[in-house]
PDB file of N, CA and C in Angstrom:
ATOM      1  N   MET A   1     -17.045 -11.871  -2.601  1.00  0.00           N
ATOM      2  CA  MET A   1     -16.294 -10.900  -2.153  1.00  0.00           C
ATOM      3  C   MET A   1     -17.382  -9.721  -1.100  1.00  0.00           C
ATOM      4  N   THR A   2     -17.176  -9.381  -0.258  1.00  0.00           N
ATOM      5  CA  THR A   2     -17.979  -8.771   0.596  1.00  0.00           C
ATOM      6  C   THR A   2     -17.913  -7.389   0.422  1.00  0.00           C
ATOM      7  N   GLU A   3     -19.056  -6.597   0.598  1.00  0.00           N
ATOM      8  CA  GLU A   3     -19.181  -5.082   0.245  1.00  0.00           C
ATOM      9  C   GLU A   3     -17.812  -4.502   0.874  1.00  0.00           C
ATOM     10  N   SER A   4     -17.244  -4.679   2.129  1.00  0.00           N
ATOM     11  CA  SER A   4     -15.952  -3.679   2.507  1.00  0.00           C
ATOM     12  C   SER A   4     -15.357  -4.655   1.629  1.00  0.00           C
ATOM     13  N   THR A   5     -14.912  -5.346   1.532  1.00  0.00           N
ATOM     14  CA  THR A   5     -13.867  -6.066   0.739  1.00  0.00           C
ATOM     15  C   THR A   5     -13.904  -5.606  -0.594  1.00  0.00           C
ATOM     16  N   ARG A   6     -14.550  -5.211  -1.384  1.00  0.00           N
ATOM     17  CA  ARG A   6     -14.910  -4.924  -2.695  1.00  0.00           C
ATOM     18  C   ARG A   6     -14.384  -3.594  -2.613  1.00  0.00           C
ATOM     19  N   ARG A   7     -14.844  -2.789  -1.485  1.00  0.00           N
ATOM     20  CA  ARG A   7     -13.891  -1.329  -1.344  1.00  0.00           C
ATOM     21  C   ARG A   7     -12.905  -1.233  -1.183  1.00  0.00           C
ATOM     22  N   ILE A   8     -11.983  -1.757  -0.277  1.00  0.00           N
ATOM     23  CA  ILE A   8     -10.958  -1.549  -0.132  1.00  0.00           C
ATOM     24  C   ILE A   8     -10.296  -2.102  -1.581  1.00  0.00           C
ATOM     25  N   VAL A   9     -10.261  -2.908  -1.537  1.00  0.00           N
ATOM     26  CA  VAL A   9      -9.768  -3.713  -3.605  1.00  0.00           C
ATOM     27  C   VAL A   9      -9.762  -2.436  -4.211  1.00  0.00           C
ATOM     28  N   GLU A  10     -11.094  -1.766  -4.380  1.00  0.00           N
ATOM     29  CA  GLU A  10     -11.418  -0.455  -5.360  1.00  0.00           C
ATOM     30  C   GLU A  10     -10.261   0.691  -4.662  1.00  0.00           C
ATOM     31  N   ALA A  11      -9.725   0.469  -3.533  1.00  0.00           N
ATOM     32  CA  ALA A  11      -9.555   2.002  -2.784  1.00  0.00           C
ATOM     33  C   ALA A  11      -7.592   1.531  -3.062  1.00  0.00           C
ATOM     34  N   ILE A  12      -7.575   0.397  -2.892  1.00  0.00           N
ATOM     35  CA  ILE A  12      -6.127  -0.050  -3.031  1.00  0.00           C
ATOM     36  C   ILE A  12      -5.719   0.082  -4.691  1.00  0.00           C
ATOM     37  N   ARG A  13      -6.921  -0.685  -5.969  1.00  0.00           N
ATOM     38  CA  ARG A  13      -6.839   0.157  -7.006  1.00  0.00           C
ATOM     39  C   ARG A  13      -6.623   1.350  -7.727  1.00  0.00           C
ATOM     40  N   ALA A  14      -7.293   2.068  -6.685  1.00  0.00           N
ATOM     41  CA  ALA A  14      -7.210   3.604  -7.226  1.00  0.00           C
ATOM     42  C   ALA A  14      -5.977   4.704  -6.858  1.00  0.00           C
ATOM     43  N   VAL A  15      -4.840   3.853  -6.529  1.00  0.00           N
ATOM     44  CA  VAL A  15      -3.823   4.379  -5.528  1.00  0.00           C
ATOM     45  C   VAL A  15      -2.740   4.092  -7.271  1.00  0.00           C
ATOM     46  N   PRO A  16      -2.279   5.751  -7.768  1.00  0.00           N
ATOM     47  CA  PRO A  16      -1.911   5.325  -9.432  1.00  0.00           C
ATOM     48  C   PRO A  16      -0.700   5.281  -8.785  1.00  0.00           C
ATOM     49  N   ARG A  17       0.132   4.896 -10.457  1.00  0.00           N
ATOM     50  CA  ARG A  17       1.755   4.663 -10.309  1.00  0.00           C
ATOM     51  C   ARG A  17       1.917   6.066  -9.683  1.00  0.00           C
ATOM     52  N   GLY A  18       3.167   5.657  -9.405  1.00  0.00           N
ATOM     53  CA  GLY A  18       4.337   6.756  -8.259  1.00  0.00           C
ATOM     54  C   GLY A  18       3.725   7.405  -7.236  1.00  0.00           C
ATOM     55  N   ARG A  19       2.657   6.565  -6.621  1.00  0.00           N
ATOM     56  CA  ARG A  19       2.852   7.664  -5.292  1.00  0.00           C
ATOM     57  C   ARG A  19       2.351   6.294  -4.341  1.00  0.00           C
ATOM     58  N   VAL A  20       1.771   6.797  -3.606  1.00  0.00           N
ATOM     59  CA  VAL A  20       1.351   5.841  -2.180  1.00  0.00           C
ATOM     60  C   VAL A  20       0.346   5.659  -1.212  1.00  0.00           C
ATOM     61  N   SER A  21      -0.115   5.087  -1.176  1.00  0.00           N
ATOM     62  CA  SER A  21      -0.972   5.212   0.431  1.00  0.00           C
ATOM     63  C   SER A  21      -0.879   4.366   1.492  1.00  0.00           C
ATOM     64  N   SER A  22      -0.983   4.998   2.822  1.00  0.00           N
ATOM     65  CA  SER A  22      -1.083   3.912   3.375  1.00  0.00           C
ATOM     66  C   SER A  22      -2.203   2.920   3.869  1.00  0.00           C
ATOM     67  N   TYR A  23      -1.740   2.447   4.630  1.00  0.00           N
ATOM     68  CA  TYR A  23      -3.287   1.539   5.161  1.00  0.00           C
ATOM     69  C   TYR A  23      -4.169   1.596   5.925  1.00  0.00           C
ATOM     70  N   ARG A  24      -3.767   2.677   6.802  1.00  0.00           N
ATOM     71  CA  ARG A  24      -4.976   3.568   7.429  1.00  0.00           C
ATOM     72  C   ARG A  24      -5.835   4.459   6.490  1.00  0.00           C
ATOM     73  N   ASP A  25      -4.806   4.771   5.620  1.00  0.00           N
ATOM     74  CA  ASP A  25      -5.692   5.899   4.286  1.00  0.00           C
ATOM     75  C   ASP A  25      -6.378   4.731   3.718  1.00  0.00           C
ATOM     76  N   ALA A  26      -5.895   4.036   3.097  1.00  0.00           N
ATOM     77  CA  ALA A  26      -7.119   3.152   2.196  1.00  0.00           C
ATOM     78  C   ALA A  26      -8.326   2.532   2.758  1.00  0.00           C
ATOM     79  N   ALA A  27      -7.845   2.538   4.394  1.00  0.00           N
ATOM     80  CA  ALA A  27      -9.138   2.012   4.737  1.00  0.00           C
ATOM     81  C   ALA A  27      -9.925   3.131   4.766  1.00  0.00           C
ATOM     82  N   LEU A  28      -9.721   4.017   5.017  1.00  0.00           N
ATOM     83  CA  LEU A  28     -10.438   5.463   5.604  1.00  0.00           C
ATOM     84  C   LEU A  28     -11.480   5.878   4.070  1.00  0.00           C
ATOM     85  N   ALA A  29     -10.891   5.368   2.334  1.00  0.00           N
ATOM     86  CA  ALA A  29     -11.010   5.330   1.492  1.00  0.00           C
ATOM     87  C   ALA A  29     -11.831   4.721   1.257  1.00  0.00           C
ATOM     88  N   ALA A  30     -11.994   3.664   1.311  1.00  0.00           N
ATOM     89  CA  ALA A  30     -13.276   2.485   1.484  1.00  0.00           C
ATOM     90  C   ALA A  30     -14.486   2.659   2.664  1.00  0.00           C
ATOM     91  N   GLY A  31     -14.274   4.027   3.058  1.00  0.00           N
ATOM     92  CA  GLY A  31     -15.620   4.248   4.208  1.00  0.00           C
ATOM     93  C   GLY A  31     -15.335   2.860   5.472  1.00  0.00           C
ATOM     94  N   LEU A  32     -14.024   3.106   5.939  1.00  0.00           N
ATOM     95  CA  LEU A  32     -13.862   1.909   7.119  1.00  0.00           C
ATOM     96  C   LEU A  32     -12.993   2.644   8.412  1.00  0.00           C
ATOM     97  N   PRO A  33     -13.312   3.325   9.027  1.00  0.00           N
ATOM     98  CA  PRO A  33     -12.107   3.826   9.346  1.00  0.00           C
ATOM     99  C   PRO A  33     -11.542   3.535  10.667  1.00  0.00           C
ATOM    100  N   ASN A  34     -11.689   2.112  10.727  1.00  0.00           N
ATOM    101  CA  ASN A  34     -11.246   1.203  11.631  1.00  0.00           C
ATOM    102  C   ASN A  34     -10.295  -0.219  10.756  1.00  0.00           C
ATOM    103  N   GLY A  35     -10.260   0.688   9.680  1.00  0.00           N
ATOM    104  CA  GLY A  35      -9.988  -1.028   8.835  1.00  0.00           C
ATOM    105  C   GLY A  35      -8.628  -0.959   8.508  1.00  0.00           C
ATOM    106  N   ALA A  36      -7.821  -1.229   8.360  1.00  0.00           N
ATOM    107  CA  ALA A  36      -6.590  -0.760   8.288  1.00  0.00           C
ATOM    108  C   ALA A  36      -6.119  -2.656   7.936  1.00  0.00           C
ATOM    109  N   ARG A  37      -6.427  -2.813   9.447  1.00  0.00           N
ATOM    110  CA  ARG A  37      -5.507  -3.950   9.569  1.00  0.00           C
ATOM    111  C   ARG A  37      -6.263  -5.337   8.103  1.00  0.00           C
ATOM    112  N   GLN A  38      -7.952  -4.692   7.952  1.00  0.00           N
ATOM    113  CA  GLN A  38      -8.612  -5.544   6.893  1.00  0.00           C
ATOM    114  C   GLN A  38      -7.604  -5.179   5.613  1.00  0.00           C
ATOM    115  N   VAL A  39      -7.173  -4.485   5.590  1.00  0.00           N
ATOM    116  CA  VAL A  39      -6.506  -3.871   4.297  1.00  0.00           C
ATOM    117  C   VAL A  39      -5.371  -4.261   3.691  1.00  0.00           C
ATOM    118  N   ALA A  40      -4.460  -4.975   5.641  1.00  0.00           N
ATOM    119  CA  ALA A  40      -3.501  -5.459   5.332  1.00  0.00           C
ATOM    120  C   ALA A  40      -3.713  -7.018   4.799  1.00  0.00           C
ATOM    121  N   ARG A  41      -4.526  -7.700   5.464  1.00  0.00           N
ATOM    122  CA  ARG A  41      -5.302  -9.176   5.243  1.00  0.00           C
ATOM    123  C   ARG A  41      -5.134  -9.196   4.087  1.00  0.00           C
ATOM    124  N   ILE A  42      -6.480  -8.106   3.602  1.00  0.00           N
ATOM    125  CA  ILE A  42      -6.476  -8.183   2.220  1.00  0.00           C
ATOM    126  C   ILE A  42      -5.456  -8.307   1.489  1.00  0.00           C
ATOM    127  N   LEU A  43      -4.562  -7.731   1.364  1.00  0.00           N
ATOM    128  CA  LEU A  43      -3.374  -7.139   0.411  1.00  0.00           C
ATOM    129  C   LEU A  43      -2.345  -8.541   0.563  1.00  0.00           C
ATOM    130  N   HIS A  44      -2.734  -9.626   1.409  1.00  0.00           N
ATOM    131  CA  HIS A  44      -1.486 -10.534   1.939  1.00  0.00           C
ATOM    132  C   HIS A  44      -2.288 -11.707   1.100  1.00  0.00           C
ATOM    133  N   SER A  45      -3.819 -11.988   0.913  1.00  0.00           N
ATOM    134  CA  SER A  45      -4.871 -12.922   0.563  1.00  0.00           C
ATOM    135  C   SER A  45      -4.940 -13.058  -0.656  1.00  0.00           C
ATOM    136  N   MET A  46      -4.849 -11.462  -0.908  1.00  0.00           N
ATOM    137  CA  MET A  46      -5.642 -11.332  -2.741  1.00  0.00           C
ATOM    138  C   MET A  46      -4.429 -10.706  -3.643  1.00  0.00           C
ATOM    139  N   SER A  47      -3.633 -10.206  -3.257  1.00  0.00           N
ATOM    140  CA  SER A  47      -2.809  -9.384  -4.213  1.00  0.00           C
ATOM    141  C   SER A  47      -2.827 -10.302  -5.661  1.00  0.00           C
ATOM    142  N   GLU A  48      -2.158 -11.339  -5.163  1.00  0.00           N
ATOM    143  CA  GLU A  48      -2.218 -11.814  -7.095  1.00  0.00           C
ATOM    144  C   GLU A  48      -3.296 -12.438  -7.518  1.00  0.00           C
ATOM    145  N   THR A  49      -4.212 -12.591  -6.771  1.00  0.00           N
ATOM    146  CA  THR A  49      -5.265 -13.081  -7.477  1.00  0.00           C
ATOM    147  C   THR A  49      -6.094 -11.840  -8.330  1.00  0.00           C
ATOM    148  N   GLU A  50      -5.862 -10.696  -7.380  1.00  0.00           N
ATOM    149  CA  GLU A  50      -6.557  -9.382  -7.722  1.00  0.00           C
ATOM    150  C   GLU A  50      -5.719  -8.885  -8.385  1.00  0.00           C
ATOM    151  N   GLN A  51      -4.664  -8.755  -8.651  1.00  0.00           N
ATOM    152  CA  GLN A  51      -3.426  -8.078  -9.227  1.00  0.00           C
ATOM    153  C   GLN A  51      -3.198  -6.757  -8.949  1.00  0.00           C
ATOM    154  N   LEU A  52      -4.015  -6.404  -7.216  1.00  0.00           N
ATOM    155  CA  LEU A  52      -3.836  -5.102  -6.730  1.00  0.00           C
ATOM    156  C   LEU A  52      -2.235  -4.679  -6.702  1.00  0.00           C
ATOM    157  N   PRO A  53      -2.108  -3.540  -6.726  1.00  0.00           N
ATOM    158  CA  PRO A  53      -0.550  -2.662  -6.433  1.00  0.00           C
ATOM    159  C   PRO A  53       0.045  -3.075  -5.137  1.00  0.00           C
ATOM    160  N   TRP A  54       0.103  -3.965  -4.366  1.00  0.00           N
ATOM    161  CA  TRP A  54       0.364  -3.885  -3.093  1.00  0.00           C
ATOM    162  C   TRP A  54       1.223  -3.114  -2.687  1.00  0.00           C
ATOM    163  N   HIS A  55       2.605  -2.778  -3.433  1.00  0.00           N
ATOM    164  CA  HIS A  55       3.943  -2.771  -3.417  1.00  0.00           C
ATOM    165  C   HIS A  55       3.644  -0.556  -3.050  1.00  0.00           C
ATOM    166  N   ARG A  56       2.395  -0.699  -3.311  1.00  0.00           N
ATOM    167  CA  ARG A  56       1.655   1.058  -3.417  1.00  0.00           C
ATOM    168  C   ARG A  56       1.313   1.216  -1.770  1.00  0.00           C
ATOM    169  N   ILE A  57       1.434   0.293  -0.954  1.00  0.00           N
ATOM    170  CA  ILE A  57       0.888   0.732   0.295  1.00  0.00           C
ATOM    171  C   ILE A  57       1.812   0.422   1.490  1.00  0.00           C
ATOM    172  N   VAL A  58       1.786   1.304   2.397  1.00  0.00           N
ATOM    173  CA  VAL A  58       3.052   1.685   3.008  1.00  0.00           C
ATOM    174  C   VAL A  58       2.584   1.995   4.534  1.00  0.00           C
ATOM    175  N   ARG A  59       2.939   1.534   5.726  1.00  0.00           N
ATOM    176  CA  ARG A  59       2.574   1.709   6.979  1.00  0.00           C
ATOM    177  C   ARG A  59       2.203   3.767   6.844  1.00  0.00           C
ATOM    178  N   ALA A  60       1.526   4.437   8.235  1.00  0.00           N
ATOM    179  CA  ALA A  60       1.168   5.837   7.462  1.00  0.00           C
ATOM    180  C   ALA A  60       2.005   6.588   7.654  1.00  0.00           C
ATOM    181  N   GLY A  61       3.023   5.961   8.685  1.00  0.00           N
ATOM    182  CA  GLY A  61       4.562   6.819   9.061  1.00  0.00           C
ATOM    183  C   GLY A  61       5.774   7.285   8.022  1.00  0.00           C
ATOM    184  N   GLY A  62       4.704   6.428   6.526  1.00  0.00           N
ATOM    185  CA  GLY A  62       6.325   6.396   5.521  1.00  0.00           C
ATOM    186  C   GLY A  62       6.664   5.369   5.664  1.00  0.00           C
ATOM    187  N   ARG A  63       6.854   4.315   6.109  1.00  0.00           N
ATOM    188  CA  ARG A  63       8.289   3.376   5.752  1.00  0.00           C
ATOM    189  C   ARG A  63       7.152   1.840   5.754  1.00  0.00           C
ATOM    190  N   ILE A  64       8.148   1.630   4.661  1.00  0.00           N
ATOM    191  CA  ILE A  64       7.997   0.456   4.084  1.00  0.00           C
ATOM    192  C   ILE A  64       7.244  -0.933   5.703  1.00  0.00           C
ATOM    193  N   ALA A  65       6.225  -1.790   5.364  1.00  0.00           N
ATOM    194  CA  ALA A  65       5.945  -2.327   6.631  1.00  0.00           C
ATOM    195  C   ALA A  65       6.560  -4.267   6.796  1.00  0.00           C
ATOM    196  N   LEU A  66       7.421  -4.384   5.364  1.00  0.00           N
ATOM    197  CA  LEU A  66       7.892  -5.565   5.249  1.00  0.00           C
ATOM    198  C   LEU A  66       9.362  -5.259   5.618  1.00  0.00           C
ATOM    199  N   PRO A  67       9.829  -6.501   6.446  1.00  0.00           N
ATOM    200  CA  PRO A  67      11.550  -6.498   7.443  1.00  0.00           C
ATOM    201  C   PRO A  67      12.039  -6.658   5.530  1.00  0.00           C
ATOM    202  N   ALA A  68      13.330  -6.245   6.506  1.00  0.00           N
ATOM    203  CA  ALA A  68      14.673  -5.865   5.821  1.00  0.00           C
ATOM    204  C   ALA A  68      14.768  -7.468   5.368  1.00  0.00           C
ATOM    205  N   GLY A  69      15.336  -8.143   3.852  1.00  0.00           N
ATOM    206  CA  GLY A  69      15.374  -9.918   3.999  1.00  0.00           C
ATOM    207  C   GLY A  69      13.976 -10.576   3.948  1.00  0.00           C
ATOM    208  N   GLY A  70      12.865 -10.022   3.849  1.00  0.00           N
ATOM    209  CA  GLY A  70      11.941 -10.298   4.137  1.00  0.00           C
ATOM    210  C   GLY A  70      10.408  -9.371   2.820  1.00  0.00           C
ATOM    211  N   GLY A  71      11.078  -8.677   1.745  1.00  0.00           N
ATOM    212  CA  GLY A  71      10.323  -7.861   1.101  1.00  0.00           C
ATOM    213  C   GLY A  71      10.563  -7.094   0.929  1.00  0.00           C
ATOM    214  N   MET A  72      11.477  -6.064   1.639  1.00  0.00           N
ATOM    215  CA  MET A  72      10.880  -5.088   1.549  1.00  0.00           C
ATOM    216  C   MET A  72      12.291  -4.211   0.336  1.00  0.00           C
ATOM    217  N   GLU A  73      13.005  -5.094  -0.255  1.00  0.00           N
ATOM    218  CA  GLU A  73      13.747  -4.539  -1.155  1.00  0.00           C
ATOM    219  C   GLU A  73      12.835  -4.832  -2.343  1.00  0.00           C
ATOM    220  N   LEU A  74      12.182  -5.671  -2.785  1.00  0.00           N
ATOM    221  CA  LEU A  74      11.219  -5.895  -3.666  1.00  0.00           C
ATOM    222  C   LEU A  74      10.184  -4.232  -3.554  1.00  0.00           C
ATOM    223  N   GLN A  75       9.668  -4.406  -2.464  1.00  0.00           N
ATOM    224  CA  GLN A  75       8.663  -3.485  -2.671  1.00  0.00           C
ATOM    225  C   GLN A  75       9.488  -1.962  -3.281  1.00  0.00           C
ATOM    226  N   ALA A  76      10.719  -1.810  -2.187  1.00  0.00           N
ATOM    227  CA  ALA A  76      11.158  -0.502  -2.925  1.00  0.00           C
ATOM    228  C   ALA A  76      11.828  -0.016  -4.018  1.00  0.00           C
ATOM    229  N   ALA A  77      11.922  -1.627  -4.802  1.00  0.00           N
ATOM    230  CA  ALA A  77      12.621  -1.442  -5.942  1.00  0.00           C
ATOM    231  C   ALA A  77      11.309  -1.408  -7.071  1.00  0.00           C
ATOM    232  N   LEU A  78       9.755  -1.896  -6.657  1.00  0.00           N
ATOM    233  CA  LEU A  78       8.915  -1.314  -7.263  1.00  0.00           C
ATOM    234  C   LEU A  78       8.541  -0.310  -7.736  1.00  0.00           C
ATOM    235  N   LEU A  79       8.584   0.482  -5.784  1.00  0.00           N
ATOM    236  CA  LEU A  79       8.345   1.912  -5.406  1.00  0.00           C
ATOM    237  C   LEU A  79       9.519   2.664  -6.757  1.00  0.00           C
ATOM    238  N   ARG A  80      10.670   2.195  -6.319  1.00  0.00           N
ATOM    239  CA  ARG A  80      11.878   3.408  -7.256  1.00  0.00           C
ATOM    240  C   ARG A  80      11.397   3.022  -8.718  1.00  0.00           C
ATOM    241  N   SER A  81      10.903   2.242  -9.253  1.00  0.00           N
ATOM    242  CA  SER A  81      10.722   1.681 -10.679  1.00  0.00           C
ATOM    243  C   SER A  81       9.255   2.790 -11.457  1.00  0.00           C
ATOM    244  N   GLU A  82       8.933   3.166 -10.382  1.00  0.00           N
ATOM    245  CA  GLU A  82       7.231   3.836 -10.633  1.00  0.00           C
ATOM    246  C   GLU A  82       7.998   5.303  -9.924  1.00  0.00           C
ATOM    247  N   GLY A  83       8.693   5.572  -9.872  1.00  0.00           N
ATOM    248  CA  GLY A  83       9.681   6.904  -9.686  1.00  0.00           C
ATOM    249  C   GLY A  83       9.811   7.786  -8.072  1.00  0.00           C
ATOM    250  N   VAL A  84       9.164   7.018  -7.155  1.00  0.00           N
ATOM    251  CA  VAL A  84       8.916   6.892  -6.119  1.00  0.00           C
ATOM    252  C   VAL A  84      10.606   6.795  -4.875  1.00  0.00           C
ATOM    253  N   LYS A  85      10.506   7.939  -4.647  1.00  0.00           N
ATOM    254  CA  LYS A  85      11.928   7.985  -4.025  1.00  0.00           C
ATOM    255  C   LYS A  85      11.811   7.275  -2.247  1.00  0.00           C
ATOM    256  N   VAL A  86      12.583   6.424  -2.352  1.00  0.00           N
ATOM    257  CA  VAL A  86      12.562   5.883  -1.110  1.00  0.00           C
ATOM    258  C   VAL A  86      13.854   5.173  -0.723  1.00  0.00           C
ATOM    259  N   ASP A  87      14.099   5.714   0.646  1.00  0.00           N
ATOM    260  CA  ASP A  87      15.777   5.651   1.114  1.00  0.00           C
ATOM    261  C   ASP A  87      16.253   3.879   1.637  1.00  0.00           C
ATOM    262  N   ALA A  88      17.158   4.116   2.055  1.00  0.00           N
ATOM    263  CA  ALA A  88      17.948   2.949   2.387  1.00  0.00           C
ATOM    264  C   ALA A  88      17.187   2.290   3.503  1.00  0.00           C
ATOM    265  N   SER A  89      16.198   2.624   4.641  1.00  0.00           N
ATOM    266  CA  SER A  89      16.184   2.187   5.649  1.00  0.00           C
ATOM    267  C   SER A  89      14.276   1.894   5.174  1.00  0.00           C
ATOM    268  N   GLY A  90      13.925   2.028   4.047  1.00  0.00           N
ATOM    269  CA  GLY A  90      12.540   2.037   3.731  1.00  0.00           C
ATOM    270  C   GLY A  90      11.645   2.806   4.005  1.00  0.00           C
ATOM    271  N   ARG A  91      11.797   4.158   4.259  1.00  0.00           N
ATOM    272  CA  ARG A  91      10.793   5.291   3.855  1.00  0.00           C
ATOM    273  C   ARG A  91      10.317   5.863   3.081  1.00  0.00           C
ATOM    274  N   VAL A  92       9.438   5.878   3.036  1.00  0.00           N
ATOM    275  CA  VAL A  92       8.919   7.161   1.130  1.00  0.00           C
ATOM    276  C   VAL A  92       8.975   8.517   1.379  1.00  0.00           C
ATOM    277  N   ASP A  93       9.425   9.394   0.796  1.00  0.00           N
ATOM    278  CA  ASP A  93       9.677  10.724   0.409  1.00  0.00           C
ATOM    279  C   ASP A  93       8.321  11.358   0.684  1.00  0.00           C
ATOM    280  N   ALA A  94       7.405  11.664   1.423  1.00  0.00           N
ATOM    281  CA  ALA A  94       6.384  12.154   1.772  1.00  0.00           C
ATOM    282  C   ALA A  94       5.504  12.782   1.352  1.00  0.00           C
ATOM    283  N   GLU A  95       6.623  13.182  -0.165  1.00  0.00           N
ATOM    284  CA  GLU A  95       5.610  13.855  -1.288  1.00  0.00           C
ATOM    285  C   GLU A  95       4.885  13.018  -2.282  1.00  0.00           C
ATOM    286  N   PHE A  96       5.221  11.668  -2.289  1.00  0.00           N
ATOM    287  CA  PHE A  96       4.961  10.566  -3.021  1.00  0.00           C
ATOM    288  C   PHE A  96       3.633  10.200  -2.577  1.00  0.00           C
ATOM    289  N   PHE A  97       3.377  10.841  -1.275  1.00  0.00           N
ATOM    290  CA  PHE A  97       1.642  10.233  -0.803  1.00  0.00           C
ATOM    291  C   PHE A  97       0.335  11.104  -1.125  1.00  0.00           C
ATOM    292  N   LEU A  98      -0.187  10.050  -1.851  1.00  0.00           N
ATOM    293  CA  LEU A  98      -2.033  10.391  -2.169  1.00  0.00           C
ATOM    294  C   LEU A  98      -2.324  11.183  -1.046  1.00  0.00           C
ATOM    295  N   VAL A  99      -2.894  12.260  -1.288  1.00  0.00           N
ATOM    296  CA  VAL A  99      -3.653  13.253  -0.598  1.00  0.00           C
ATOM    297  C   VAL A  99      -5.461  13.192  -0.430  1.00  0.00           C
TER     298      VAL A  99
END
């Protein structure tokens, strides 16, 4: 695992239960200001093997990135099970963003 990958994994793991972060903010927390796409790649390829809380990462605007019928419902259900407010369109209430 590269150093930047390790830092991203740590940033993702640092998002507590009941909170969300954006791809951009996870990259910034890892010290990679242009690393949002790298966060997405790591989530896609390593979520299961590294047991990452992938469902806690959403788009910067607060929407779940996965499409309806393609995972949005699962991510919303996982977030709701942690007490996060998610509307029917997949938008997370701003109060749940990690600051």
